[in-house]
Amino acid sequence: MNGLVSFYQENAKILKTTFQEMGFKVYGGEDAPYVWVGFPGKPSWDVFAEILEKCNIVTTPGSGFGPAGEGFVRASAFGSRDNIMEAVRRFKEVYGRK
């Protein structure tokens, strides 16, 4: 069980680091397998749809967790390492900031 928890923690760290390096405000990913990524001024459902369309990745709109979640999407660290790395590649391709 500890090995599985460590594996998902590493996935969360990969996601969190990737979004931070791209300049996003990020929360979570330390004590839970979810990373909250901020898209200020954008409705979370619009961001969800954009990521789905441009990256072919399913996230969760933050507004589904209440008003404080608006402007965020939640990314999950539950997945294989290959899938996490592919998601990171796609996010960087679409949202990478210089």
PDB file of N, CA and C in Angstrom:
ATOM      1  N   MET A   1       0.818  -1.173   0.000  1.00  0.00           N
ATOM      2  CA  MET A   1       0.000   0.000   0.000  1.00  0.00           C
ATOM      3  C   MET A   1       0.876   1.256   0.000  1.00  0.00           C
ATOM      4  N   ASN A   2       1.932   1.251   0.821  1.00  0.00           N
ATOM      5  CA  ASN A   2       2.810   2.418   0.876  1.00  0.00           C
ATOM      6  C   ASN A   2       3.461   2.701  -0.477  1.00  0.00           C
ATOM      7  N   GLY A   3       3.801   1.647  -1.188  1.00  0.00           N
ATOM      8  CA  GLY A   3       4.390   1.820  -2.514  1.00  0.00           C
ATOM      9  C   GLY A   3       3.421   2.463  -3.478  1.00  0.00           C
ATOM     10  N   LEU A   4       2.172   2.068  -3.411  1.00  0.00           N
ATOM     11  CA  LEU A   4       1.150   2.649  -4.284  1.00  0.00           C
ATOM     12  C   LEU A   4       0.920   4.120  -3.954  1.00  0.00           C
ATOM     13  N   VAL A   5       0.862   4.432  -2.669  1.00  0.00           N
ATOM     14  CA  VAL A   5       0.703   5.827  -2.252  1.00  0.00           C
ATOM     15  C   VAL A   5       1.877   6.662  -2.750  1.00  0.00           C
ATOM     16  N   SER A   6       3.080   6.147  -2.609  1.00  0.00           N
ATOM     17  CA  SER A   6       4.277   6.865  -3.083  1.00  0.00           C
ATOM     18  C   SER A   6       4.241   7.087  -4.587  1.00  0.00           C
ATOM     19  N   PHE A   7       3.774   6.081  -5.309  1.00  0.00           N
ATOM     20  CA  PHE A   7       3.684   6.194  -6.765  1.00  0.00           C
ATOM     21  C   PHE A   7       2.763   7.343  -7.162  1.00  0.00           C
ATOM     22  N   TYR A   8       1.580   7.414  -6.555  1.00  0.00           N
ATOM     23  CA  TYR A   8       0.636   8.482  -6.894  1.00  0.00           C
ATOM     24  C   TYR A   8       1.115   9.841  -6.393  1.00  0.00           C
ATOM     25  N   GLN A   9       1.831   9.865  -5.289  1.00  0.00           N
ATOM     26  CA  GLN A   9       2.419  11.118  -4.819  1.00  0.00           C
ATOM     27  C   GLN A   9       3.439  11.647  -5.826  1.00  0.00           C
ATOM     28  N   GLU A  10       4.209  10.755  -6.399  1.00  0.00           N
ATOM     29  CA  GLU A  10       5.180  11.173  -7.421  1.00  0.00           C
ATOM     30  C   GLU A  10       4.466  11.686  -8.668  1.00  0.00           C
ATOM     31  N   ASN A  11       3.378  11.021  -9.069  1.00  0.00           N
ATOM     32  CA  ASN A  11       2.584  11.527 -10.199  1.00  0.00           C
ATOM     33  C   ASN A  11       2.077  12.936  -9.908  1.00  0.00           C
ATOM     34  N   ALA A  12       1.585  13.149  -8.692  1.00  0.00           N
ATOM     35  CA  ALA A  12       1.081  14.472  -8.314  1.00  0.00           C
ATOM     36  C   ALA A  12       2.202  15.504  -8.354  1.00  0.00           C
ATOM     37  N   LYS A  13       3.377  15.120  -7.909  1.00  0.00           N
ATOM     38  CA  LYS A  13       4.525  16.034  -7.932  1.00  0.00           C
ATOM     39  C   LYS A  13       4.890  16.405  -9.374  1.00  0.00           C
ATOM     40  N   ILE A  14       4.849  15.434 -10.258  1.00  0.00           N
ATOM     41  CA  ILE A  14       5.144  15.688 -11.674  1.00  0.00           C
ATOM     42  C   ILE A  14       4.140  16.696 -12.239  1.00  0.00           C
ATOM     43  N   LEU A  15       2.859  16.477 -11.961  1.00  0.00           N
ATOM     44  CA  LEU A  15       1.833  17.400 -12.459  1.00  0.00           C
ATOM     45  C   LEU A  15       2.010  18.789 -11.870  1.00  0.00           C
ATOM     46  N   LYS A  16       2.172  18.855 -10.569  1.00  0.00           N
ATOM     47  CA  LYS A  16       2.301  20.156  -9.900  1.00  0.00           C
ATOM     48  C   LYS A  16       3.509  20.928 -10.418  1.00  0.00           C
ATOM     49  N   THR A  17       4.634  20.266 -10.501  1.00  0.00           N
ATOM     50  CA  THR A  17       5.858  20.913 -10.981  1.00  0.00           C
ATOM     51  C   THR A  17       5.692  21.410 -12.411  1.00  0.00           C
ATOM     52  N   THR A  18       5.059  20.609 -13.241  1.00  0.00           N
ATOM     53  CA  THR A  18       4.846  20.994 -14.636  1.00  0.00           C
ATOM     54  C   THR A  18       4.036  22.283 -14.720  1.00  0.00           C
ATOM     55  N   PHE A  19       2.919  22.340 -14.002  1.00  0.00           N
ATOM     56  CA  PHE A  19       2.079  23.542 -14.055  1.00  0.00           C
ATOM     57  C   PHE A  19       2.795  24.744 -13.453  1.00  0.00           C
ATOM     58  N   GLN A  20       3.528  24.552 -12.380  1.00  0.00           N
ATOM     59  CA  GLN A  20       4.275  25.663 -11.797  1.00  0.00           C
ATOM     60  C   GLN A  20       5.324  26.188 -12.770  1.00  0.00           C
ATOM     61  N   GLU A  21       6.027  25.296 -13.432  1.00  0.00           N
ATOM     62  CA  GLU A  21       7.051  25.708 -14.401  1.00  0.00           C
ATOM     63  C   GLU A  21       6.441  26.467 -15.575  1.00  0.00           C
ATOM     64  N   MET A  22       5.173  26.188 -15.873  1.00  0.00           N
ATOM     65  CA  MET A  22       4.494  26.902 -16.954  1.00  0.00           C
ATOM     66  C   MET A  22       3.901  28.222 -16.468  1.00  0.00           C
ATOM     67  N   GLY A  23       4.054  28.531 -15.191  1.00  0.00           N
ATOM     68  CA  GLY A  23       3.605  29.816 -14.669  1.00  0.00           C
ATOM     69  C   GLY A  23       2.219  29.840 -14.064  1.00  0.00           C
ATOM     70  N   PHE A  24       1.613  28.681 -13.873  1.00  0.00           N
ATOM     71  CA  PHE A  24       0.280  28.629 -13.285  1.00  0.00           C
ATOM     72  C   PHE A  24       0.354  28.653 -11.762  1.00  0.00           C
ATOM     73  N   LYS A  25      -0.682  29.204 -11.139  1.00  0.00           N
ATOM     74  CA  LYS A  25      -0.857  29.123  -9.696  1.00  0.00           C
ATOM     75  C   LYS A  25      -1.439  27.742  -9.414  1.00  0.00           C
ATOM     76  N   VAL A  26      -0.793  26.983  -8.539  1.00  0.00           N
ATOM     77  CA  VAL A  26      -1.169  25.588  -8.312  1.00  0.00           C
ATOM     78  C   VAL A  26      -1.310  25.330  -6.806  1.00  0.00           C
ATOM     79  N   TYR A  27      -2.329  24.565  -6.470  1.00  0.00           N
ATOM     80  CA  TYR A  27      -2.548  24.147  -5.089  1.00  0.00           C
ATOM     81  C   TYR A  27      -2.695  22.635  -5.058  1.00  0.00           C
ATOM     82  N   GLY A  28      -2.428  22.052  -3.892  1.00  0.00           N
ATOM     83  CA  GLY A  28      -2.622  20.619  -3.711  1.00  0.00           C
ATOM     84  C   GLY A  28      -1.445  19.811  -4.209  1.00  0.00           C
ATOM     85  N   GLY A  29      -1.718  18.531  -4.404  1.00  0.00           N
ATOM     86  CA  GLY A  29      -0.701  17.635  -4.928  1.00  0.00           C
ATOM     87  C   GLY A  29       0.322  17.177  -3.906  1.00  0.00           C
ATOM     88  N   GLU A  30       0.117  17.525  -2.633  1.00  0.00           N
ATOM     89  CA  GLU A  30       1.070  17.111  -1.607  1.00  0.00           C
ATOM     90  C   GLU A  30       0.465  16.072  -0.664  1.00  0.00           C
ATOM     91  N   ASP A  31      -0.703  16.358  -0.162  1.00  0.00           N
ATOM     92  CA  ASP A  31      -1.354  15.433   0.768  1.00  0.00           C
ATOM     93  C   ASP A  31      -2.557  14.748   0.135  1.00  0.00           C
ATOM     94  N   ALA A  32      -2.735  14.975  -1.134  1.00  0.00           N
ATOM     95  CA  ALA A  32      -3.841  14.368  -1.875  1.00  0.00           C
ATOM     96  C   ALA A  32      -3.401  14.203  -3.326  1.00  0.00           C
ATOM     97  N   PRO A  33      -3.998  13.275  -4.037  1.00  0.00           N
ATOM     98  CA  PRO A  33      -3.570  13.018  -5.418  1.00  0.00           C
ATOM     99  C   PRO A  33      -4.223  13.947  -6.447  1.00  0.00           C
ATOM    100  N   TYR A  34      -4.588  15.141  -6.018  1.00  0.00           N
ATOM    101  CA  TYR A  34      -5.229  16.093  -6.921  1.00  0.00           C
ATOM    102  C   TYR A  34      -4.453  17.392  -6.940  1.00  0.00           C
ATOM    103  N   VAL A  35      -4.363  17.988  -8.118  1.00  0.00           N
ATOM    104  CA  VAL A  35      -3.674  19.255  -8.301  1.00  0.00           C
ATOM    105  C   VAL A  35      -4.691  20.249  -8.844  1.00  0.00           C
ATOM    106  N   TRP A  36      -4.822  21.374  -8.162  1.00  0.00           N
ATOM    107  CA  TRP A  36      -5.739  22.438  -8.568  1.00  0.00           C
ATOM    108  C   TRP A  36      -4.940  23.484  -9.329  1.00  0.00           C
ATOM    109  N   VAL A  37      -5.361  23.770 -10.570  1.00  0.00           N
ATOM    110  CA  VAL A  37      -4.644  24.688 -11.444  1.00  0.00           C
ATOM    111  C   VAL A  37      -5.524  25.901 -11.711  1.00  0.00           C
ATOM    112  N   GLY A  38      -4.990  27.083 -11.429  1.00  0.00           N
ATOM    113  CA  GLY A  38      -5.748  28.311 -11.582  1.00  0.00           C
ATOM    114  C   GLY A  38      -5.718  28.876 -12.990  1.00  0.00           C
ATOM    115  N   PHE A  39      -6.884  29.281 -13.444  1.00  0.00           N
ATOM    116  CA  PHE A  39      -7.050  29.991 -14.711  1.00  0.00           C
ATOM    117  C   PHE A  39      -7.871  31.246 -14.401  1.00  0.00           C
ATOM    118  N   PRO A  40      -7.229  32.263 -13.803  1.00  0.00           N
ATOM    119  CA  PRO A  40      -7.955  33.448 -13.344  1.00  0.00           C
ATOM    120  C   PRO A  40      -8.777  34.110 -14.448  1.00  0.00           C
ATOM    121  N   GLY A  41      -9.998  34.461 -14.077  1.00  0.00           N
ATOM    122  CA  GLY A  41     -10.868  35.164 -15.004  1.00  0.00           C
ATOM    123  C   GLY A  41     -11.563  34.286 -16.021  1.00  0.00           C
ATOM    124  N   LYS A  42     -11.286  32.989 -15.989  1.00  0.00           N
ATOM    125  CA  LYS A  42     -11.921  32.066 -16.929  1.00  0.00           C
ATOM    126  C   LYS A  42     -12.855  31.128 -16.174  1.00  0.00           C
ATOM    127  N   PRO A  43     -14.082  30.971 -16.640  1.00  0.00           N
ATOM    128  CA  PRO A  43     -14.978  30.002 -16.001  1.00  0.00           C
ATOM    129  C   PRO A  43     -14.393  28.586 -16.093  1.00  0.00           C
ATOM    130  N   SER A  44     -14.497  27.861 -15.006  1.00  0.00           N
ATOM    131  CA  SER A  44     -13.867  26.541 -14.963  1.00  0.00           C
ATOM    132  C   SER A  44     -14.436  25.579 -16.003  1.00  0.00           C
ATOM    133  N   TRP A  45     -15.725  25.702 -16.326  1.00  0.00           N
ATOM    134  CA  TRP A  45     -16.291  24.833 -17.359  1.00  0.00           C
ATOM    135  C   TRP A  45     -15.703  25.163 -18.733  1.00  0.00           C
ATOM    136  N   ASP A  46     -15.407  26.432 -18.979  1.00  0.00           N
ATOM    137  CA  ASP A  46     -14.780  26.816 -20.249  1.00  0.00           C
ATOM    138  C   ASP A  46     -13.365  26.256 -20.338  1.00  0.00           C
ATOM    139  N   VAL A  47     -12.628  26.318 -19.228  1.00  0.00           N
ATOM    140  CA  VAL A  47     -11.266  25.770 -19.207  1.00  0.00           C
ATOM    141  C   VAL A  47     -11.308  24.258 -19.397  1.00  0.00           C
ATOM    142  N   PHE A  48     -12.230  23.600 -18.696  1.00  0.00           N
ATOM    143  CA  PHE A  48     -12.416  22.158 -18.853  1.00  0.00           C
ATOM    144  C   PHE A  48     -12.625  21.806 -20.330  1.00  0.00           C
ATOM    145  N   ALA A  49     -13.546  22.530 -20.994  1.00  0.00           N
ATOM    146  CA  ALA A  49     -13.852  22.250 -22.403  1.00  0.00           C
ATOM    147  C   ALA A  49     -12.645  22.518 -23.294  1.00  0.00           C
ATOM    148  N   GLU A  50     -11.909  23.578 -23.009  1.00  0.00           N
ATOM    149  CA  GLU A  50     -10.730  23.921 -23.806  1.00  0.00           C
ATOM    150  C   GLU A  50      -9.645  22.850 -23.679  1.00  0.00           C
ATOM    151  N   ILE A  51      -9.393  22.398 -22.459  1.00  0.00           N
ATOM    152  CA  ILE A  51      -8.380  21.351 -22.250  1.00  0.00           C
ATOM    153  C   ILE A  51      -8.805  20.055 -22.927  1.00  0.00           C
ATOM    154  N   LEU A  52     -10.086  19.734 -22.819  1.00  0.00           N
ATOM    155  CA  LEU A  52     -10.592  18.527 -23.468  1.00  0.00           C
ATOM    156  C   LEU A  52     -10.418  18.617 -24.981  1.00  0.00           C
ATOM    157  N   GLU A  53     -10.756  19.764 -25.543  1.00  0.00           N
ATOM    158  CA  GLU A  53     -10.688  19.941 -26.994  1.00  0.00           C
ATOM    159  C   GLU A  53      -9.250  20.004 -27.499  1.00  0.00           C
ATOM    160  N   LYS A  54      -8.406  20.779 -26.830  1.00  0.00           N
ATOM    161  CA  LYS A  54      -7.051  21.013 -27.325  1.00  0.00           C
ATOM    162  C   LYS A  54      -6.040  19.947 -26.914  1.00  0.00           C
ATOM    163  N   CYS A  55      -6.259  19.337 -25.741  1.00  0.00           N
ATOM    164  CA  CYS A  55      -5.286  18.376 -25.218  1.00  0.00           C
ATOM    165  C   CYS A  55      -5.805  16.940 -25.201  1.00  0.00           C
ATOM    166  N   ASN A  56      -7.117  16.764 -25.387  1.00  0.00           N
ATOM    167  CA  ASN A  56      -7.744  15.451 -25.241  1.00  0.00           C
ATOM    168  C   ASN A  56      -7.482  14.863 -23.858  1.00  0.00           C
ATOM    169  N   ILE A  57      -7.622  15.721 -22.845  1.00  0.00           N
ATOM    170  CA  ILE A  57      -7.430  15.330 -21.451  1.00  0.00           C
ATOM    171  C   ILE A  57      -8.669  15.752 -20.675  1.00  0.00           C
ATOM    172  N   VAL A  58      -9.152  14.854 -19.830  1.00  0.00           N
ATOM    173  CA  VAL A  58     -10.296  15.163 -18.982  1.00  0.00           C
ATOM    174  C   VAL A  58      -9.789  15.667 -17.634  1.00  0.00           C
ATOM    175  N   THR A  59     -10.203  16.871 -17.261  1.00  0.00           N
ATOM    176  CA  THR A  59      -9.955  17.415 -15.935  1.00  0.00           C
ATOM    177  C   THR A  59     -11.318  17.536 -15.257  1.00  0.00           C
ATOM    178  N   THR A  60     -11.362  18.159 -14.101  1.00  0.00           N
ATOM    179  CA  THR A  60     -12.622  18.394 -13.411  1.00  0.00           C
ATOM    180  C   THR A  60     -12.780  19.885 -13.196  1.00  0.00           C
ATOM    181  N   PRO A  61     -13.902  20.469 -13.650  1.00  0.00           N
ATOM    182  CA  PRO A  61     -14.116  21.900 -13.425  1.00  0.00           C
ATOM    183  C   PRO A  61     -14.207  22.206 -11.925  1.00  0.00           C
ATOM    184  N   GLY A  62     -13.484  23.198 -11.488  1.00  0.00           N
ATOM    185  CA  GLY A  62     -13.465  23.543 -10.075  1.00  0.00           C
ATOM    186  C   GLY A  62     -14.802  23.988  -9.523  1.00  0.00           C
ATOM    187  N   SER A  63     -15.641  24.566 -10.361  1.00  0.00           N
ATOM    188  CA  SER A  63     -16.937  25.064  -9.878  1.00  0.00           C
ATOM    189  C   SER A  63     -17.816  23.936  -9.352  1.00  0.00           C
ATOM    190  N   GLY A  64     -17.535  22.707  -9.733  1.00  0.00           N
ATOM    191  CA  GLY A  64     -18.281  21.564  -9.223  1.00  0.00           C
ATOM    192  C   GLY A  64     -18.055  21.331  -7.734  1.00  0.00           C
ATOM    193  N   PHE A  65     -17.068  22.023  -7.164  1.00  0.00           N
ATOM    194  CA  PHE A  65     -16.762  21.893  -5.745  1.00  0.00           C
ATOM    195  C   PHE A  65     -17.220  23.116  -4.961  1.00  0.00           C
ATOM    196  N   GLY A  66     -17.967  23.992  -5.615  1.00  0.00           N
ATOM    197  CA  GLY A  66     -18.484  25.183  -4.957  1.00  0.00           C
ATOM    198  C   GLY A  66     -17.883  26.442  -5.540  1.00  0.00           C
ATOM    199  N   PRO A  67     -18.378  27.597  -5.091  1.00  0.00           N
ATOM    200  CA  PRO A  67     -17.938  28.886  -5.646  1.00  0.00           C
ATOM    201  C   PRO A  67     -16.436  29.123  -5.557  1.00  0.00           C
ATOM    202  N   ALA A  68     -15.785  28.640  -4.516  1.00  0.00           N
ATOM    203  CA  ALA A  68     -14.341  28.852  -4.378  1.00  0.00           C
ATOM    204  C   ALA A  68     -13.539  28.106  -5.438  1.00  0.00           C
ATOM    205  N   GLY A  69     -14.154  27.118  -6.074  1.00  0.00           N
ATOM    206  CA  GLY A  69     -13.460  26.358  -7.111  1.00  0.00           C
ATOM    207  C   GLY A  69     -13.512  27.002  -8.484  1.00  0.00           C
ATOM    208  N   GLU A  70     -14.324  28.041  -8.631  1.00  0.00           N
ATOM    209  CA  GLU A  70     -14.423  28.721  -9.929  1.00  0.00           C
ATOM    210  C   GLU A  70     -13.067  29.306 -10.295  1.00  0.00           C
ATOM    211  N   GLY A  71     -12.711  29.166 -11.567  1.00  0.00           N
ATOM    212  CA  GLY A  71     -11.420  29.652 -12.037  1.00  0.00           C
ATOM    213  C   GLY A  71     -10.310  28.613 -11.934  1.00  0.00           C
ATOM    214  N   PHE A  72     -10.666  27.402 -11.490  1.00  0.00           N
ATOM    215  CA  PHE A  72      -9.694  26.319 -11.354  1.00  0.00           C
ATOM    216  C   PHE A  72     -10.200  25.071 -12.066  1.00  0.00           C
ATOM    217  N   VAL A  73      -9.267  24.220 -12.457  1.00  0.00           N
ATOM    218  CA  VAL A  73      -9.595  22.849 -12.840  1.00  0.00           C
ATOM    219  C   VAL A  73      -8.756  21.950 -11.945  1.00  0.00           C
ATOM    220  N   ARG A  74      -9.257  20.741 -11.743  1.00  0.00           N
ATOM    221  CA  ARG A  74      -8.550  19.775 -10.910  1.00  0.00           C
ATOM    222  C   ARG A  74      -8.016  18.670 -11.795  1.00  0.00           C
ATOM    223  N   ALA A  75      -6.726  18.404 -11.666  1.00  0.00           N
ATOM    224  CA  ALA A  75      -6.080  17.307 -12.380  1.00  0.00           C
ATOM    225  C   ALA A  75      -5.811  16.188 -11.384  1.00  0.00           C
ATOM    226  N   SER A  76      -5.997  14.965 -11.809  1.00  0.00           N
ATOM    227  CA  SER A  76      -5.824  13.804 -10.944  1.00  0.00           C
ATOM    228  C   SER A  76      -4.502  13.108 -11.228  1.00  0.00           C
ATOM    229  N   ALA A  77      -3.854  12.677 -10.148  1.00  0.00           N
ATOM    230  CA  ALA A  77      -2.597  11.938 -10.267  1.00  0.00           C
ATOM    231  C   ALA A  77      -2.825  10.439 -10.384  1.00  0.00           C
ATOM    232  N   PHE A  78      -4.088  10.014 -10.371  1.00  0.00           N
ATOM    233  CA  PHE A  78      -4.393   8.597 -10.516  1.00  0.00           C
ATOM    234  C   PHE A  78      -4.240   8.211 -11.980  1.00  0.00           C
ATOM    235  N   GLY A  79      -3.213   7.488 -12.282  1.00  0.00           N
ATOM    236  CA  GLY A  79      -2.976   7.051 -13.645  1.00  0.00           C
ATOM    237  C   GLY A  79      -1.616   6.401 -13.731  1.00  0.00           C
ATOM    238  N   SER A  80      -1.381   5.781 -14.850  1.00  0.00           N
ATOM    239  CA  SER A  80      -0.059   5.180 -15.054  1.00  0.00           C
ATOM    240  C   SER A  80       0.965   6.289 -15.267  1.00  0.00           C
ATOM    241  N   ARG A  81       2.214   5.997 -15.048  1.00  0.00           N
ATOM    242  CA  ARG A  81       3.258   6.995 -15.261  1.00  0.00           C
ATOM    243  C   ARG A  81       3.307   7.414 -16.729  1.00  0.00           C
ATOM    244  N   ASP A  82       3.124   6.454 -17.627  1.00  0.00           N
ATOM    245  CA  ASP A  82       3.106   6.785 -19.056  1.00  0.00           C
ATOM    246  C   ASP A  82       1.991   7.772 -19.374  1.00  0.00           C
ATOM    247  N   ASN A  83       0.805   7.570 -18.805  1.00  0.00           N
ATOM    248  CA  ASN A  83      -0.306   8.484 -19.069  1.00  0.00           C
ATOM    249  C   ASN A  83      -0.063   9.861 -18.468  1.00  0.00           C
ATOM    250  N   ILE A  84       0.526   9.910 -17.287  1.00  0.00           N
ATOM    251  CA  ILE A  84       0.846  11.198 -16.666  1.00  0.00           C
ATOM    252  C   ILE A  84       1.867  11.944 -17.524  1.00  0.00           C
ATOM    253  N   MET A  85       2.885  11.251 -17.985  1.00  0.00           N
ATOM    254  CA  MET A  85       3.916  11.899 -18.811  1.00  0.00           C
ATOM    255  C   MET A  85       3.351  12.362 -20.148  1.00  0.00           C
ATOM    256  N   GLU A  86       2.434  11.605 -20.714  1.00  0.00           N
ATOM    257  CA  GLU A  86       1.785  12.022 -21.962  1.00  0.00           C
ATOM    258  C   GLU A  86       0.915  13.253 -21.714  1.00  0.00           C
ATOM    259  N   ALA A  87       0.199  13.267 -20.597  1.00  0.00           N
ATOM    260  CA  ALA A  87      -0.619  14.434 -20.265  1.00  0.00           C
ATOM    261  C   ALA A  87       0.258  15.670 -20.092  1.00  0.00           C
ATOM    262  N   VAL A  88       1.379  15.523 -19.409  1.00  0.00           N
ATOM    263  CA  VAL A  88       2.320  16.624 -19.221  1.00  0.00           C
ATOM    264  C   VAL A  88       2.806  17.135 -20.571  1.00  0.00           C
ATOM    265  N   ARG A  89       3.141  16.235 -21.460  1.00  0.00           N
ATOM    266  CA  ARG A  89       3.609  16.634 -22.790  1.00  0.00           C
ATOM    267  C   ARG A  89       2.532  17.447 -23.512  1.00  0.00           C
ATOM    268  N   ARG A  90       1.292  16.972 -23.450  1.00  0.00           N
ATOM    269  CA  ARG A  90       0.197  17.672 -24.120  1.00  0.00           C
ATOM    270  C   ARG A  90      -0.077  19.036 -23.501  1.00  0.00           C
ATOM    271  N   PHE A  91      -0.077  19.103 -22.165  1.00  0.00           N
ATOM    272  CA  PHE A  91      -0.285  20.391 -21.499  1.00  0.00           C
ATOM    273  C   PHE A  91       0.799  21.378 -21.904  1.00  0.00           C
ATOM    274  N   LYS A  92       2.052  20.940 -21.917  1.00  0.00           N
ATOM    275  CA  LYS A  92       3.159  21.823 -22.298  1.00  0.00           C
ATOM    276  C   LYS A  92       3.017  22.299 -23.735  1.00  0.00           C
ATOM    277  N   GLU A  93       2.589  21.398 -24.600  1.00  0.00           N
ATOM    278  CA  GLU A  93       2.432  21.735 -26.012  1.00  0.00           C
ATOM    279  C   GLU A  93       1.384  22.844 -26.200  1.00  0.00           C
ATOM    280  N   VAL A  94       0.315  22.804 -25.434  1.00  0.00           N
ATOM    281  CA  VAL A  94      -0.769  23.755 -25.592  1.00  0.00           C
ATOM    282  C   VAL A  94      -0.603  24.985 -24.696  1.00  0.00           C
ATOM    283  N   TYR A  95      -0.183  24.775 -23.448  1.00  0.00           N
ATOM    284  CA  TYR A  95      -0.174  25.868 -22.479  1.00  0.00           C
ATOM    285  C   TYR A  95       1.214  26.308 -22.037  1.00  0.00           C
ATOM    286  N   GLY A  96       2.263  25.722 -22.603  1.00  0.00           N
ATOM    287  CA  GLY A  96       3.605  26.095 -22.202  1.00  0.00           C
ATOM    288  C   GLY A  96       3.846  27.584 -22.371  1.00  0.00           C
ATOM    289  N   ARG A  97       4.452  28.150 -21.359  1.00  0.00           N
ATOM    290  CA  ARG A  97       4.720  29.596 -21.388  1.00  0.00           C
ATOM    291  C   ARG A  97       6.222  29.798 -21.434  1.00  0.00           C
ATOM    292  N   LYS A  98       6.610  30.795 -22.143  1.00  0.00           N
ATOM    293  CA  LYS A  98       8.038  31.103 -22.286  1.00  0.00           C
ATOM    294  C   LYS A  98       8.477  32.039 -21.181  1.00  0.00           C
TER     295      LYS A  98
END
